[in-house]
C-alpha atoms as a PDB file:
ATOM      1  CA  MET A   1       5.474   0.481   6.691  1.00  0.00           C
ATOM      2  CA  VAL A   2       2.434  -1.362   5.567  1.00  0.00           C
ATOM      3  CA  LYS A   3       0.402  -1.152   2.196  1.00  0.00           C
ATOM      4  CA  VAL A   4      -3.019  -2.850   1.991  1.00  0.00           C
ATOM      5  CA  GLY A   5      -4.747  -3.242  -1.409  1.00  0.00           C
ATOM      6  CA  THR A   6      -8.406  -2.981  -2.258  1.00  0.00           C
ATOM      7  CA  SER A   7      -8.988  -6.580  -2.690  1.00  0.00           C
ATOM      8  CA  THR A   8      -7.776  -7.443   0.975  1.00  0.00           C
ATOM      9  CA  LEU A   9     -10.143  -4.375   2.257  1.00  0.00           C
ATOM     10  CA  THR A  10     -13.418  -5.036   0.414  1.00  0.00           C
ATOM     11  CA  HIS A  11     -15.806  -7.807  -0.296  1.00  0.00           C
ATOM     12  CA  ALA A  12     -16.274  -8.589  -4.024  1.00  0.00           C
ATOM     13  CA  SER A  13     -19.469  -6.254  -3.881  1.00  0.00           C
ATOM     14  CA  GLY A  14     -16.971  -3.317  -3.059  1.00  0.00           C
ATOM     15  CA  THR A  15     -18.462  -2.893   0.546  1.00  0.00           C
ATOM     16  CA  LEU A  16     -15.917  -2.870   3.344  1.00  0.00           C
ATOM     17  CA  ASP A  17     -14.668  -6.045   4.761  1.00  0.00           C
ATOM     18  CA  LEU A  18     -14.915  -4.916   8.272  1.00  0.00           C
ATOM     19  CA  ARG A  19     -13.454  -8.168   9.713  1.00  0.00           C
ATOM     20  CA  SER A  20     -10.342  -7.960   7.679  1.00  0.00           C
ATOM     21  CA  MET A  21      -9.773  -4.334   8.553  1.00  0.00           C
ATOM     22  CA  GLU A  22     -10.159  -5.085  12.438  1.00  0.00           C
ATOM     23  CA  ARG A  23      -7.585  -7.718  12.324  1.00  0.00           C
ATOM     24  CA  LEU A  24      -5.252  -5.535  10.392  1.00  0.00           C
ATOM     25  CA  VAL A  25      -5.707  -2.687  12.866  1.00  0.00           C
ATOM     26  CA  ARG A  26      -5.484  -4.964  15.853  1.00  0.00           C
ATOM     27  CA  THR A  27      -2.176  -6.161  14.626  1.00  0.00           C
ATOM     28  CA  MET A  28      -0.659  -2.878  13.686  1.00  0.00           C
ATOM     29  CA  ALA A  29      -1.951  -1.392  17.071  1.00  0.00           C
ATOM     30  CA  ASP A  30      -0.108  -4.163  18.811  1.00  0.00           C
ATOM     31  CA  LEU A  31       2.995  -3.507  16.786  1.00  0.00           C
ATOM     32  CA  SER A  32       2.794   0.134  17.831  1.00  0.00           C
ATOM     33  CA  GLY A  33       2.638  -0.597  21.257  1.00  0.00           C
ATOM     34  CA  GLN A  34       5.669  -2.790  21.077  1.00  0.00           C
ATOM     35  CA  GLY A  35       7.719   0.406  19.897  1.00  0.00           C
ATOM     36  CA  TYR A  36       7.425   0.110  16.057  1.00  0.00           C
ATOM     37  CA  GLU A  37       6.968   3.087  14.040  1.00  0.00           C
ATOM     38  CA  LEU A  38       4.110   2.425  11.478  1.00  0.00           C
ATOM     39  CA  ILE A  39       2.757   4.010   8.369  1.00  0.00           C
ATOM     40  CA  LEU A  40      -0.301   2.504   6.613  1.00  0.00           C
ATOM     41  CA  VAL A  41      -0.981   3.075   2.953  1.00  0.00           C
ATOM     42  CA  SER A  42      -4.343   2.268   2.296  1.00  0.00           C
ATOM     43  CA  SER A  43      -6.254   1.781  -1.123  1.00  0.00           C
ATOM     44  CA  GLY A  44      -9.923   1.255  -1.818  1.00  0.00           C
ATOM     45  CA  ALA A  45     -11.386   4.763  -1.749  1.00  0.00           C
ATOM     46  CA  ILE A  46     -13.036   4.233  -5.286  1.00  0.00           C
ATOM     47  CA  ALA A  47     -14.337   0.945  -4.584  1.00  0.00           C
ATOM     48  CA  VAL A  48     -15.668   1.841  -1.283  1.00  0.00           C
ATOM     49  CA  GLY A  49     -17.299   5.065  -2.732  1.00  0.00           C
ATOM     50  CA  SER A  50     -18.913   3.102  -5.423  1.00  0.00           C
ATOM     51  CA  ALA A  51     -20.420   0.642  -3.071  1.00  0.00           C
ATOM     52  CA  LYS A  52     -21.613   3.522  -0.813  1.00  0.00           C
ATOM     53  CA  LEU A  53     -23.270   5.190  -3.646  1.00  0.00           C
ATOM     54  CA  GLY A  54     -25.194   1.874  -4.782  1.00  0.00           C
ATOM     55  CA  MET A  55     -22.826   1.506  -7.805  1.00  0.00           C
ATOM     56  CA  THR A  56     -22.194  -2.052  -9.117  1.00  0.00           C
ATOM     57  CA  GLN A  57     -18.979  -1.461 -10.813  1.00  0.00           C
ATOM     58  CA  ARG A  58     -16.232   1.134 -11.030  1.00  0.00           C
ATOM     59  CA  PRO A  59     -17.311   4.313 -12.670  1.00  0.00           C
ATOM     60  CA  GLY A  60     -15.449   4.961 -16.082  1.00  0.00           C
ATOM     61  CA  GLU A  61     -15.606   8.735 -16.471  1.00  0.00           C
ATOM     62  CA  LEU A  62     -12.928  10.565 -14.682  1.00  0.00           C
ATOM     63  CA  ARG A  63     -15.166  13.321 -12.890  1.00  0.00           C
ATOM     64  CA  MET A  64     -17.326  10.404 -11.574  1.00  0.00           C
ATOM     65  CA  LYS A  65     -13.885   8.396 -10.314  1.00  0.00           C
ATOM     66  CA  GLN A  66     -12.593  11.558  -8.435  1.00  0.00           C
ATOM     67  CA  ALA A  67     -16.234  12.192  -6.855  1.00  0.00           C
ATOM     68  CA  VAL A  68     -16.724   8.638  -5.810  1.00  0.00           C
ATOM     69  CA  ALA A  69     -12.970   8.665  -4.336  1.00  0.00           C
ATOM     70  CA  ALA A  70     -13.932  11.549  -2.300  1.00  0.00           C
ATOM     71  CA  VAL A  71     -16.994   9.774  -0.808  1.00  0.00           C
ATOM     72  CA  GLY A  72     -14.984   6.605  -0.232  1.00  0.00           C
ATOM     73  CA  GLN A  73     -11.946   8.118   1.474  1.00  0.00           C
ATOM     74  CA  CYS A  74     -14.230   9.884   3.839  1.00  0.00           C
ATOM     75  CA  ARG A  75     -15.982   6.590   4.866  1.00  0.00           C
ATOM     76  CA  MET A  76     -12.574   4.710   4.956  1.00  0.00           C
ATOM     77  CA  MET A  77     -10.952   7.108   7.356  1.00  0.00           C
ATOM     78  CA  HIS A  78     -13.943   7.152   9.456  1.00  0.00           C
ATOM     79  CA  ILE A  79     -13.625   3.351  10.010  1.00  0.00           C
ATOM     80  CA  TYR A  80      -9.924   3.510  10.635  1.00  0.00           C
ATOM     81  CA  ASP A  81     -10.138   6.114  13.144  1.00  0.00           C
ATOM     82  CA  LYS A  82     -12.689   4.414  15.002  1.00  0.00           C
ATOM     83  CA  LEU A  83     -10.994   1.055  14.913  1.00  0.00           C
ATOM     84  CA  PHE A  84      -7.519   2.486  15.833  1.00  0.00           C
ATOM     85  CA  SER A  85      -9.057   4.348  18.520  1.00  0.00           C
ATOM     86  CA  GLU A  86     -10.511   1.423  20.305  1.00  0.00           C
ATOM     87  CA  TYR A  87      -6.754   0.233  20.696  1.00  0.00           C
ATOM     88  CA  ASN A  88      -5.862   3.755  22.156  1.00  0.00           C
ATOM     89  CA  CYS A  89      -4.146   4.611  18.874  1.00  0.00           C
ATOM     90  CA  THR A  90      -4.341   8.074  17.191  1.00  0.00           C
ATOM     91  CA  THR A  91      -4.330   8.190  13.325  1.00  0.00           C
ATOM     92  CA  ALA A  92      -3.661  10.994  10.832  1.00  0.00           C
ATOM     93  CA  GLN A  93      -4.853  11.323   7.193  1.00  0.00           C
ATOM     94  CA  ILE A  94      -2.386  12.327   4.491  1.00  0.00           C
ATOM     95  CA  LEU A  95      -3.432  12.499   0.895  1.00  0.00           C
ATOM     96  CA  LEU A  96      -0.850  12.878  -1.698  1.00  0.00           C
ATOM     97  CA  THR A  97      -0.396  14.007  -5.503  1.00  0.00           C
ATOM     98  CA  GLY A  98       2.639  13.325  -7.495  1.00  0.00           C
ATOM     99  CA  GLU A  99       3.756  17.182  -6.955  1.00  0.00           C
ATOM    100  CA  ASP A 100       4.096  16.488  -3.305  1.00  0.00           C
ATOM    101  CA  VAL A 101       6.904  13.862  -3.669  1.00  0.00           C
ATOM    102  CA  ASP A 102       8.360  15.235  -6.870  1.00  0.00           C
ATOM    103  CA  ILE A 103       8.977  18.666  -5.908  1.00  0.00           C
ATOM    104  CA  PRO A 104      11.998  18.719  -3.570  1.00  0.00           C
ATOM    105  CA  ARG A 105      10.850  21.730  -0.978  1.00  0.00           C
ATOM    106  CA  ARG A 106       7.229  20.079  -0.797  1.00  0.00           C
ATOM    107  CA  ALA A 107       8.926  16.473  -0.364  1.00  0.00           C
ATOM    108  CA  GLU A 108      11.042  17.875   2.469  1.00  0.00           C
ATOM    109  CA  HIS A 109       7.968  19.383   4.299  1.00  0.00           C
ATOM    110  CA  LEU A 110       6.133  16.061   3.718  1.00  0.00           C
ATOM    111  CA  ARG A 111       8.995  14.193   5.236  1.00  0.00           C
ATOM    112  CA  ALA A 112       9.120  16.729   8.301  1.00  0.00           C
ATOM    113  CA  THR A 113       5.338  16.031   8.627  1.00  0.00           C
ATOM    114  CA  PHE A 114       5.705  12.183   8.901  1.00  0.00           C
ATOM    115  CA  SER A 115       8.629  12.732  11.246  1.00  0.00           C
ATOM    116  CA  ALA A 116       6.653  14.833  13.701  1.00  0.00           C
ATOM    117  CA  LEU A 117       3.546  12.371  13.527  1.00  0.00           C
ATOM    118  CA  LEU A 118       5.672   9.461  14.248  1.00  0.00           C
ATOM    119  CA  GLU A 119       7.460  11.232  17.079  1.00  0.00           C
ATOM    120  CA  MET A 120       3.926  11.693  18.549  1.00  0.00           C
ATOM    121  CA  GLY A 121       3.083   8.034  18.358  1.00  0.00           C
ATOM    122  CA  VAL A 122       0.584   8.795  15.516  1.00  0.00           C
ATOM    123  CA  ILE A 123      -0.186   6.256  12.831  1.00  0.00           C
ATOM    124  CA  PRO A 124      -0.341   7.968   9.399  1.00  0.00           C
ATOM    125  CA  VAL A 125      -2.987   6.548   7.004  1.00  0.00           C
ATOM    126  CA  VAL A 126      -1.905   7.500   3.488  1.00  0.00           C
ATOM    127  CA  ASN A 127      -3.629   7.408   0.088  1.00  0.00           C
ATOM    128  CA  GLU A 128      -3.347   9.218  -3.373  1.00  0.00           C
ATOM    129  CA  ASN A 129      -5.459  12.145  -3.477  1.00  0.00           C
ATOM    130  CA  ASP A 130      -7.666  10.717  -6.120  1.00  0.00           C
ATOM    131  CA  SER A 131     -10.055  13.656  -6.251  1.00  0.00           C
ATOM    132  CA  VAL A 132      -7.143  15.860  -7.359  1.00  0.00           C
ATOM    133  CA  SER A 133      -4.224  13.875  -8.801  1.00  0.00           C
ATOM    134  CA  SER A 134      -6.369  11.165 -11.011  1.00  0.00           C
ATOM    135  CA  ALA A 135      -6.575  13.765 -13.745  1.00  0.00           C
ATOM    136  CA  GLU A 136      -2.790  13.869 -13.919  1.00  0.00           C
ATOM    137  CA  ILE A 137      -2.424  10.308 -13.818  1.00  0.00           C
ATOM    138  CA  GLU A 138      -4.850   9.350 -16.506  1.00  0.00           C
ATOM    139  CA  THR A 139      -3.884  12.173 -18.970  1.00  0.00           C
ATOM    140  CA  GLY A 140      -0.230  11.012 -18.318  1.00  0.00           C
ATOM    141  CA  SER A 141       0.805  14.841 -18.036  1.00  0.00           C
ATOM    142  CA  HIS A 142       2.425  14.185 -14.428  1.00  0.00           C
ATOM    143  CA  LYS A 143       2.504  10.424 -13.906  1.00  0.00           C
ATOM    144  CA  VAL A 144       4.642  10.119 -10.593  1.00  0.00           C
ATOM    145  CA  LEU A 145       2.480   7.906  -8.345  1.00  0.00           C
ATOM    146  CA  GLY A 146      -0.174   6.183 -10.526  1.00  0.00           C
ATOM    147  CA  ASP A 147      -0.851   3.218  -8.001  1.00  0.00           C
ATOM    148  CA  ASN A 148      -0.510   2.712  -4.257  1.00  0.00           C
ATOM    149  CA  ASP A 149       2.247   0.024  -4.484  1.00  0.00           C
ATOM    150  CA  THR A 150       4.579   2.771  -6.053  1.00  0.00           C
ATOM    151  CA  LEU A 151       3.110   5.350  -3.457  1.00  0.00           C
ATOM    152  CA  SER A 152       3.924   3.077  -0.679  1.00  0.00           C
ATOM    153  CA  ALA A 153       7.654   2.509  -1.791  1.00  0.00           C
ATOM    154  CA  ILE A 154       8.015   6.458  -2.566  1.00  0.00           C
ATOM    155  CA  VAL A 155       6.922   7.180   0.924  1.00  0.00           C
ATOM    156  CA  ALA A 156       8.842   4.261   2.489  1.00  0.00           C
ATOM    157  CA  ALA A 157      11.947   6.100   0.765  1.00  0.00           C
ATOM    158  CA  LEU A 158      10.916   9.507   1.737  1.00  0.00           C
ATOM    159  CA  CYS A 159      10.563   8.324   5.423  1.00  0.00           C
ATOM    160  CA  ARG A 160      13.796   6.314   5.200  1.00  0.00           C
ATOM    161  CA  ALA A 161      11.895   3.176   6.447  1.00  0.00           C
ATOM    162  CA  GLU A 162      13.434   0.000   7.013  1.00  0.00           C
ATOM    163  CA  LEU A 163      10.632  -2.321   5.890  1.00  0.00           C
ATOM    164  CA  LEU A 164       7.677  -2.044   3.431  1.00  0.00           C
ATOM    165  CA  VAL A 165       5.026  -4.898   3.680  1.00  0.00           C
ATOM    166  CA  LEU A 166       2.718  -5.125   0.771  1.00  0.00           C
ATOM    167  CA  LEU A 167      -0.452  -6.963   1.815  1.00  0.00           C
ATOM    168  CA  SER A 168      -1.871  -8.344  -1.463  1.00  0.00           C
ATOM    169  CA  ASP A 169      -4.331 -11.098  -2.491  1.00  0.00           C
ATOM    170  CA  ILE A 170      -1.409 -13.330  -3.412  1.00  0.00           C
ATOM    171  CA  ASP A 171       1.248 -15.093  -1.141  1.00  0.00           C
ATOM    172  CA  GLY A 172       4.232 -13.441  -2.983  1.00  0.00           C
ATOM    173  CA  LEU A 173       5.912 -13.689  -6.050  1.00  0.00           C
ATOM    174  CA  PHE A 174       5.853 -16.947  -8.081  1.00  0.00           C
ATOM    175  CA  ASP A 175       7.746 -18.253 -10.809  1.00  0.00           C
ATOM    176  CA  ALA A 176       4.552 -18.600 -12.803  1.00  0.00           C
ATOM    177  CA  ASP A 177       0.750 -17.390 -12.169  1.00  0.00           C
ATOM    178  CA  PRO A 178      -0.384 -19.826  -9.337  1.00  0.00           C
ATOM    179  CA  ARG A 179      -4.088 -19.355 -10.536  1.00  0.00           C
ATOM    180  CA  SER A 180      -3.489 -21.112 -13.734  1.00  0.00           C
ATOM    181  CA  HIS A 181      -0.365 -23.062 -12.750  1.00  0.00           C
ATOM    182  CA  PRO A 182      -0.873 -25.120  -9.540  1.00  0.00           C
ATOM    183  CA  GLU A 183       2.783 -26.067  -9.613  1.00  0.00           C
ATOM    184  CA  ALA A 184       4.050 -22.473  -9.572  1.00  0.00           C
ATOM    185  CA  ARG A 185       6.882 -21.962  -6.899  1.00  0.00           C
ATOM    186  CA  LEU A 186       6.983 -19.444  -4.450  1.00  0.00           C
ATOM    187  CA  LEU A 187      10.234 -17.271  -4.386  1.00  0.00           C
ATOM    188  CA  ARG A 188      11.169 -16.568  -0.978  1.00  0.00           C
ATOM    189  CA  ARG A 189      14.060 -14.080  -1.295  1.00  0.00           C
ATOM    190  CA  VAL A 190      15.006 -11.800  -4.337  1.00  0.00           C
ATOM    191  CA  THR A 191      18.328  -9.973  -3.851  1.00  0.00           C
ATOM    192  CA  GLU A 192      18.317  -8.598  -7.436  1.00  0.00           C
ATOM    193  CA  LEU A 193      15.637  -7.487  -9.802  1.00  0.00           C
ATOM    194  CA  THR A 194      17.058  -9.461 -13.069  1.00  0.00           C
ATOM    195  CA  PRO A 195      15.235  -9.684 -16.299  1.00  0.00           C
ATOM    196  CA  ASP A 196      14.008 -13.172 -15.369  1.00  0.00           C
ATOM    197  CA  ILE A 197      12.287 -11.753 -12.176  1.00  0.00           C
ATOM    198  CA  LEU A 198      10.880  -8.917 -14.172  1.00  0.00           C
ATOM    199  CA  GLU A 199       9.401 -11.451 -16.483  1.00  0.00           C
ATOM    200  CA  MET A 200       7.556 -13.158 -13.958  1.00  0.00           C
ATOM    201  CA  ALA A 201       5.128 -10.303 -13.263  1.00  0.00           C
ATOM    202  CA  GLY A 202       1.543 -10.815 -14.466  1.00  0.00           C
ATOM    203  CA  GLY A 203      -1.374  -8.517 -15.040  1.00  0.00           C
ATOM    204  CA  ALA A 204      -3.710  -6.736 -12.777  1.00  0.00           C
ATOM    205  CA  GLY A 205      -6.531  -8.475 -10.585  1.00  0.00           C
ATOM    206  CA  THR A 206     -10.257  -7.551 -10.224  1.00  0.00           C
ATOM    207  CA  TRP A 207     -12.000  -4.565 -11.187  1.00  0.00           C
ATOM    208  CA  ARG A 208     -11.769  -3.380  -7.546  1.00  0.00           C
ATOM    209  CA  GLY A 209      -8.111  -2.764  -7.808  1.00  0.00           C
ATOM    210  CA  THR A 210      -5.630  -1.373 -10.144  1.00  0.00           C
ATOM    211  CA  GLY A 211      -2.341  -3.042  -9.182  1.00  0.00           C
ATOM    212  CA  GLY A 212      -0.894  -6.355 -10.260  1.00  0.00           C
ATOM    213  CA  MET A 213       2.448  -7.904  -9.916  1.00  0.00           C
ATOM    214  CA  GLN A 214       4.190  -5.457 -12.289  1.00  0.00           C
ATOM    215  CA  THR A 215       3.381  -2.476 -10.106  1.00  0.00           C
ATOM    216  CA  LYS A 216       4.735  -4.523  -7.045  1.00  0.00           C
ATOM    217  CA  LEU A 217       8.125  -5.366  -8.609  1.00  0.00           C
ATOM    218  CA  SER A 218       8.278  -1.400  -9.537  1.00  0.00           C
ATOM    219  CA  ALA A 219       7.891  -0.730  -6.003  1.00  0.00           C
ATOM    220  CA  ALA A 220      10.416  -3.002  -5.020  1.00  0.00           C
ATOM    221  CA  ALA A 221      12.945  -1.347  -7.287  1.00  0.00           C
ATOM    222  CA  VAL A 222      12.095   1.949  -5.538  1.00  0.00           C
ATOM    223  CA  ALA A 223      12.374   0.383  -1.950  1.00  0.00           C
ATOM    224  CA  MET A 224      15.647  -1.627  -2.691  1.00  0.00           C
ATOM    225  CA  LYS A 225      17.396   1.573  -4.161  1.00  0.00           C
ATOM    226  CA  ALA A 226      16.517   3.351  -1.097  1.00  0.00           C
ATOM    227  CA  GLY A 227      17.891   0.595   1.254  1.00  0.00           C
ATOM    228  CA  CYS A 228      14.317  -0.565   2.218  1.00  0.00           C
ATOM    229  CA  ASP A 229      13.382  -4.428   2.332  1.00  0.00           C
ATOM    230  CA  MET A 230      10.219  -4.991   1.080  1.00  0.00           C
ATOM    231  CA  VAL A 231       7.561  -8.053   1.454  1.00  0.00           C
ATOM    232  CA  ILE A 232       4.731  -9.114  -0.489  1.00  0.00           C
ATOM    233  CA  THR A 233       2.411 -11.508   1.409  1.00  0.00           C
ATOM    234  CA  ASN A 234      -1.170 -12.327   1.439  1.00  0.00           C
ATOM    235  CA  GLY A 235      -3.304  -9.738   3.391  1.00  0.00           C
ATOM    236  CA  LYS A 236      -5.946 -12.242   4.466  1.00  0.00           C
ATOM    237  CA  ARG A 237      -3.468 -13.026   7.366  1.00  0.00           C
ATOM    238  CA  PRO A 238      -2.382  -9.788   8.709  1.00  0.00           C
ATOM    239  CA  GLU A 239      -1.298 -11.270  11.824  1.00  0.00           C
ATOM    240  CA  ASP A 240       1.713 -12.578   9.752  1.00  0.00           C
ATOM    241  CA  LEU A 241       3.308  -8.997  10.304  1.00  0.00           C
ATOM    242  CA  TYR A 242       4.466 -10.302  13.674  1.00  0.00           C
ATOM    243  CA  GLU A 243       6.719 -12.830  11.983  1.00  0.00           C
ATOM    244  CA  ILE A 244       7.630 -10.581   9.048  1.00  0.00           C
ATOM    245  CA  VAL A 245       8.964  -7.580  11.166  1.00  0.00           C
ATOM    246  CA  GLY A 246      11.045 -10.315  12.983  1.00  0.00           C
ATOM    247  CA  GLY A 247      12.664 -11.174   9.814  1.00  0.00           C
ATOM    248  CA  GLY A 248      10.677 -14.315   9.233  1.00  0.00           C
ATOM    249  CA  GLU A 249      10.420 -16.117   5.739  1.00  0.00           C
ATOM    250  CA  LEU A 250       7.042 -15.465   4.852  1.00  0.00           C
ATOM    251  CA  GLY A 251       5.777 -14.323   1.394  1.00  0.00           C
ATOM    252  CA  THR A 252       8.571 -12.777  -0.837  1.00  0.00           C
ATOM    253  CA  ARG A 253      11.282 -10.673   0.682  1.00  0.00           C
ATOM    254  CA  PHE A 254      13.038  -8.427  -1.801  1.00  0.00           C
ATOM    255  CA  VAL A 255      16.277  -7.523   0.163  1.00  0.00           C
ATOM    256  CA  ALA A 256      17.938  -4.232  -0.324  1.00  0.00           C
ATOM    257  CA  GLN A 257      21.757  -3.476   0.073  1.00  0.00           C
ATOM    258  CA  LYS A 258      22.018  -2.105   3.446  1.00  0.00           C
ATOM    259  CA  GLY A 259      24.101   0.999   4.524  1.00  0.00           C
ATOM    260  CA  VAL A 260      23.337   2.690   1.167  1.00  0.00           C
ATOM    261  CA  ARG A 261      20.366   4.965   0.652  1.00  0.00           C
ATOM    262  CA  ASN A 262      19.624   6.654  -2.524  1.00  0.00           C
ATOM    263  CA  LEU A 263      16.788   8.904  -2.193  1.00  0.00           C
END
């Protein structure tokens, strides 16, 4: 499973970075051709919708965020479908709310849908249904997902994935913020989320995205508990996926205890 963040998919203006998207799609299509079952969790709907509508920054009003997300999701799915089709891959769109994964009966139906799509060789493209669920998230009345790092880990657990790769704007987990501490050291393997590891999490990135290292470590906790390894690596090099799926030491790998799955 691959999760790609807004900062990887878009330029600073919020418009889609088509070259980055094409490289990601080409790599995933090739891996699919090698027999890997893939799910893509993609952020970016609000940023892309804002750019499509000529906005210079992310809207602040909830109803505008939801409307902009609807525009952006349409645009992004059109591009994904077009790019994957060029490599003879079929995609499906799945938009989720917290209740979809929190209510056992709905979660079981969702798992069955993913299973059927993967059996048919389809690559599901997943995002949170911002046009519906943002109200729940921002009011705090039903905060199950809240960010796509957590969403990707929940879906990975639901589908019993073996590996989750978070493509971000950073090379992995450092022992200090590398943007302000050039001497910061990249951690290659994490086998336990100790208090010291959790303290290494920094804040969120640019206005285009909502996630930071804190959400990635929260995702790691979900994935590891479900028996799924998770890797954080730089999304500007999607070709690194080849080495990562082969067990190569790129980025930071959070190693789960194998043989036990707690869903």
